[in-house]
Protein backbone atom coordinates (compact mmCIF):
# COMPACT_ATOMS: atom_id res chain seq x y z
CA UNK A 1 11.98 -0.40 15.71
CA UNK A 2 9.66 -3.33 15.13
CA UNK A 3 5.92 -3.40 15.67
CA UNK A 4 3.88 -6.19 17.20
CA UNK A 5 2.43 -7.65 13.99
CA UNK A 6 -0.15 -9.68 15.88
CA UNK A 7 -1.39 -6.52 17.59
CA UNK A 8 -1.50 -4.64 14.30
CA UNK A 9 -3.38 -7.49 12.61
CA UNK A 10 -5.95 -7.42 15.42
CA UNK A 11 -6.40 -3.67 14.95
CA UNK A 12 -7.08 -3.97 11.21
CA UNK A 13 -9.35 -6.96 11.78
CA UNK A 14 -11.38 -4.82 14.15
CA UNK A 15 -11.51 -1.87 11.74
CA UNK A 16 -12.61 -4.16 8.92
CA UNK A 17 -15.42 -5.52 11.10
CA UNK A 18 -16.52 -2.03 12.25
CA UNK A 19 -16.59 -0.56 8.74
CA UNK A 20 -17.95 -3.00 6.14
CA UNK A 21 -16.40 -2.58 2.67
CA UNK A 22 -18.16 -0.31 0.20
CA UNK A 23 -17.95 -2.37 -3.00
CA UNK A 24 -19.23 0.55 -5.08
CA UNK A 25 -15.75 2.09 -4.81
CA UNK A 26 -14.57 -0.45 -7.39
CA UNK A 27 -17.10 1.09 -9.84
CA UNK A 28 -15.41 4.49 -9.91
CA UNK A 29 -13.54 5.76 -12.94
CA UNK A 30 -10.17 4.00 -12.79
CA UNK A 31 -9.05 5.03 -16.29
CA UNK A 32 -6.25 7.20 -14.83
CA UNK A 33 -4.71 4.03 -13.34
CA UNK A 34 -5.67 1.41 -15.92
CA UNK A 35 -4.53 3.55 -18.84
CA UNK A 36 -1.13 4.23 -17.33
CA UNK A 37 -0.51 0.59 -16.53
CA UNK A 38 -1.58 -0.54 -19.99
CA UNK A 39 0.63 2.06 -21.65
CA UNK A 40 3.58 0.61 -19.74
CA UNK A 41 2.80 -2.93 -20.87
CA UNK A 42 1.81 -4.07 -17.39
CA UNK A 43 0.15 -7.47 -17.07
CA UNK A 44 0.85 -8.51 -13.47
CA UNK A 45 0.13 -6.26 -10.49
CA UNK A 46 0.91 -6.67 -6.80
CA UNK A 47 -1.44 -4.74 -4.51
CA UNK A 48 0.33 -4.39 -1.15
CA UNK A 49 -1.96 -3.76 1.81
CA UNK A 50 -5.11 -3.84 -0.33
CA UNK A 51 -7.47 -2.88 2.50
CA UNK A 52 -11.09 -3.12 1.33
CA UNK A 53 -10.02 -4.63 -1.99
CA UNK A 54 -11.59 -2.19 -4.46
CA UNK A 55 -8.25 -1.38 -6.16
CA UNK A 56 -7.59 -5.10 -6.70
CA UNK A 57 -11.08 -5.74 -8.05
CA UNK A 58 -11.00 -2.73 -10.38
CA UNK A 59 -7.67 -3.87 -11.83
CA UNK A 60 -8.82 -7.48 -12.20
CA UNK A 61 -11.94 -6.27 -13.99
CA UNK A 62 -9.65 -4.42 -16.40
CA UNK A 63 -7.88 -7.66 -17.23
CA UNK A 64 -4.76 -7.48 -15.10
CA UNK A 65 -3.48 -10.51 -13.22
CA UNK A 66 -3.65 -9.32 -9.61
CA UNK A 67 -1.89 -10.60 -6.53
CA UNK A 68 -2.96 -8.91 -3.29
CA UNK A 69 -1.54 -9.09 0.23
CA UNK A 70 -2.96 -7.75 3.49
CA UNK A 71 -2.24 -8.22 7.19
CA UNK A 72 -5.95 -8.82 7.93
CA UNK A 73 -7.23 -12.37 7.41
CA UNK A 74 -10.79 -11.02 7.34
CA UNK A 75 -9.88 -8.69 4.47
CA UNK A 76 -8.31 -11.58 2.56
CA UNK A 77 -11.43 -13.72 3.02
CA UNK A 78 -13.62 -10.88 1.76
CA UNK A 79 -11.50 -10.20 -1.32
CA UNK A 80 -11.31 -13.88 -2.24
CA UNK A 81 -15.10 -14.19 -1.99
CA UNK A 82 -15.65 -10.98 -3.98
CA UNK A 83 -13.29 -12.09 -6.76
CA UNK A 84 -14.92 -15.52 -6.90
CA UNK A 85 -18.39 -13.98 -7.16
CA UNK A 86 -17.27 -11.95 -10.19
CA UNK A 87 -15.08 -14.65 -11.72
CA UNK A 88 -11.97 -12.48 -11.43
CA UNK A 89 -8.32 -13.49 -11.38
CA UNK A 90 -7.17 -12.28 -7.96
CA UNK A 91 -4.76 -14.19 -5.75
CA UNK A 92 -5.06 -12.90 -2.18
CA UNK A 93 -3.17 -14.00 0.89
CA UNK A 94 -2.30 -12.85 4.41
CA UNK A 95 1.09 -11.18 4.64
CA UNK A 96 2.34 -7.94 6.23
CA UNK A 97 4.21 -5.71 3.81
CA UNK A 98 7.43 -5.90 5.81
CA UNK A 99 7.48 -9.69 5.37
CA UNK A 100 6.61 -9.74 1.67
CA UNK A 101 8.16 -12.81 -0.03
CA UNK A 102 10.66 -11.96 -2.77
CA UNK A 103 10.45 -15.12 -4.87
CA UNK A 104 8.13 -13.64 -7.54
CA UNK A 105 8.33 -10.74 -9.99
CA UNK A 106 5.62 -8.28 -11.01
CA UNK A 107 5.24 -5.63 -13.70
CA UNK A 108 3.76 -3.13 -11.25
CA UNK A 109 3.33 -2.70 -7.50
CA UNK A 110 0.73 -0.56 -5.74
CA UNK A 111 1.12 0.41 -2.09
CA UNK A 112 -1.61 2.88 -1.13
CA UNK A 113 -1.71 4.15 2.46
CA UNK A 114 0.33 1.21 3.71
CA UNK A 115 3.84 2.34 4.61
CA UNK A 116 2.28 5.06 6.78
CA UNK A 117 1.12 2.38 9.22
CA UNK A 118 4.40 0.93 10.45
CA UNK A 119 7.65 2.09 11.98
CA UNK A 120 10.16 3.82 9.69
CA UNK A 121 12.56 0.87 9.80
CA UNK A 122 9.75 -1.48 8.79
CA UNK A 123 8.67 0.76 5.91
CA UNK A 124 12.25 0.76 4.64
CA UNK A 125 12.28 -3.05 4.80
CA UNK A 126 8.94 -3.19 2.97
CA UNK A 127 10.33 -0.94 0.25
CA UNK A 128 13.40 -3.16 -0.17
CA UNK A 129 11.07 -6.10 -0.67
CA UNK A 130 8.89 -4.17 -3.11
CA UNK A 131 12.01 -3.28 -5.08
CA UNK A 132 13.04 -6.95 -5.15
CA UNK A 133 9.73 -8.16 -6.62
CA UNK A 134 9.42 -5.41 -9.24
CA UNK A 135 10.84 -6.19 -12.67
CA UNK A 136 13.44 -3.82 -14.15
CA UNK A 137 11.52 -0.91 -15.65
CA UNK A 138 8.43 -1.84 -13.64
CA UNK A 139 6.07 0.74 -12.14
CA UNK A 140 5.46 1.63 -8.52
CA UNK A 141 2.46 3.65 -7.36
CA UNK A 142 2.89 4.83 -3.80
CA UNK A 143 0.14 6.63 -1.88
CA UNK A 144 1.04 8.38 1.37
CA UNK A 145 -1.01 10.36 3.89
CA UNK A 146 -0.69 14.07 4.40
CA UNK A 147 0.37 15.77 7.64
CA UNK A 148 -1.66 15.34 10.84
CA UNK A 149 -4.68 17.58 11.19
CA UNK A 150 -6.18 19.09 14.33
CA UNK A 151 -8.20 15.96 15.08
CA UNK A 152 -5.09 13.79 14.80
CA UNK A 153 -3.15 16.09 17.09
CA UNK A 154 -5.86 15.97 19.77
CA UNK A 155 -6.26 12.20 19.67
CA UNK A 156 -4.30 10.56 22.54
CA UNK A 157 -1.13 9.03 21.17
CA UNK A 158 2.42 7.97 21.92
CA UNK A 159 5.31 9.37 19.89
CA UNK A 160 8.28 7.11 19.18
CA UNK A 161 11.87 8.22 18.46
CA UNK A 162 11.49 7.63 14.71
CA UNK A 163 8.48 9.96 14.58
CA UNK A 164 5.85 7.21 14.50
CA UNK A 165 2.64 7.63 16.47
CA UNK A 166 0.53 5.00 18.18
CA UNK A 167 -3.00 6.10 18.96
CA UNK A 168 -4.59 5.16 22.27
CA UNK A 169 -8.26 4.47 22.90
CA UNK A 170 -11.36 4.67 20.76
CA UNK A 171 -11.59 3.44 17.17
CA UNK A 172 -7.90 4.09 16.55
CA UNK A 173 -6.65 2.23 19.60
CA UNK A 174 -3.18 0.74 18.93
CA UNK A 175 -3.03 1.98 15.33
CA UNK A 176 0.47 2.88 14.17
CA UNK A 177 0.85 5.90 11.91
CA UNK A 178 3.76 7.98 10.69
CA UNK A 179 3.82 11.12 8.56
CA UNK A 180 6.58 10.98 5.97
CA UNK A 181 8.04 14.31 4.88
CA UNK A 182 8.59 14.80 1.14
CA UNK A 183 12.36 14.61 1.47
CA UNK A 184 12.05 11.36 3.44
CA UNK A 185 9.94 9.87 0.68
CA UNK A 186 12.46 10.85 -1.96
CA UNK A 187 15.17 9.18 0.11
CA UNK A 188 13.00 6.08 0.53
CA UNK A 189 12.67 5.93 -3.26
CA UNK A 190 16.32 6.54 -4.07
CA UNK A 191 16.54 3.22 -5.92
CA UNK A 192 13.72 4.32 -8.24
CA UNK A 193 13.28 6.99 -10.90
CA UNK A 194 10.46 9.24 -9.70
CA UNK A 195 8.23 10.17 -12.65
CA UNK A 196 5.55 12.12 -10.76
CA UNK A 197 5.30 13.44 -7.22
CA UNK A 198 1.78 14.75 -6.75
CA UNK A 199 0.59 16.55 -3.62
CA UNK A 200 -3.14 16.95 -3.05
CA UNK A 201 -4.92 19.84 -1.30
CA UNK A 202 -4.92 17.84 1.95
CA UNK A 203 -1.21 17.06 1.65
CA UNK A 204 -1.65 13.46 0.56
CA UNK A 205 1.03 12.30 -1.85
CA UNK A 206 0.64 10.11 -4.93
CA UNK A 207 3.96 9.08 -6.39
CA UNK A 208 4.65 7.29 -9.65
CA UNK A 209 8.11 5.76 -9.82
CA UNK A 210 9.94 3.31 -12.05
CA UNK A 211 12.53 0.71 -11.15
CA UNK A 212 15.72 1.38 -13.05
CA UNK A 213 16.39 -1.04 -15.89
CA UNK A 214 19.13 -3.64 -15.84
CA UNK A 215 21.43 -1.34 -17.81
CA UNK A 216 21.06 1.51 -15.31
CA UNK A 217 23.26 1.63 -12.22
CA UNK A 218 21.15 2.15 -9.12
CA UNK A 219 22.34 5.04 -6.89
């Protein structure tokens, strides 16, 4: 299944307008992320679906060369302006994850709460593209939502054959969302070596994975 990317871009543009970015989020303690990337010799980072931009800014402040993509043009404009104000090296451009160009290579890729917001087939395509742009031995940090809660269940929504939901009405109108089971995530990451699979109290998953090196046959 394929989503209407124009419709999805309009949704995220609207959400960005309704909820102005909280820049203080970039001031949090990011040592858990920065330290791990530095230990792996990471210099270049791709932030896929960067949202409000605080991950990208925090990493650029730490000295990483950051490239960031987002479906929302408004988000891209905001991140570019923020980076310019602070004199940071951040290259930001409009691009949905499922259309990510594969002509560049990065040491690490971050995709936090991104693949949840597209159809399963599109998330699989996005992951193939992420794999293509990650250097052998490079790191992937994947953040995925937990299961739907009572509020989610009550919110009017359509359910598609692949398990994806599309909310109807209100602030979530037209938003795509899909809960990925743990076994589905492991299958999605079959071309990677999973180093950590963390599950939070609310069911959210944070997964650290590594692209197999050139001397390792991919399953």
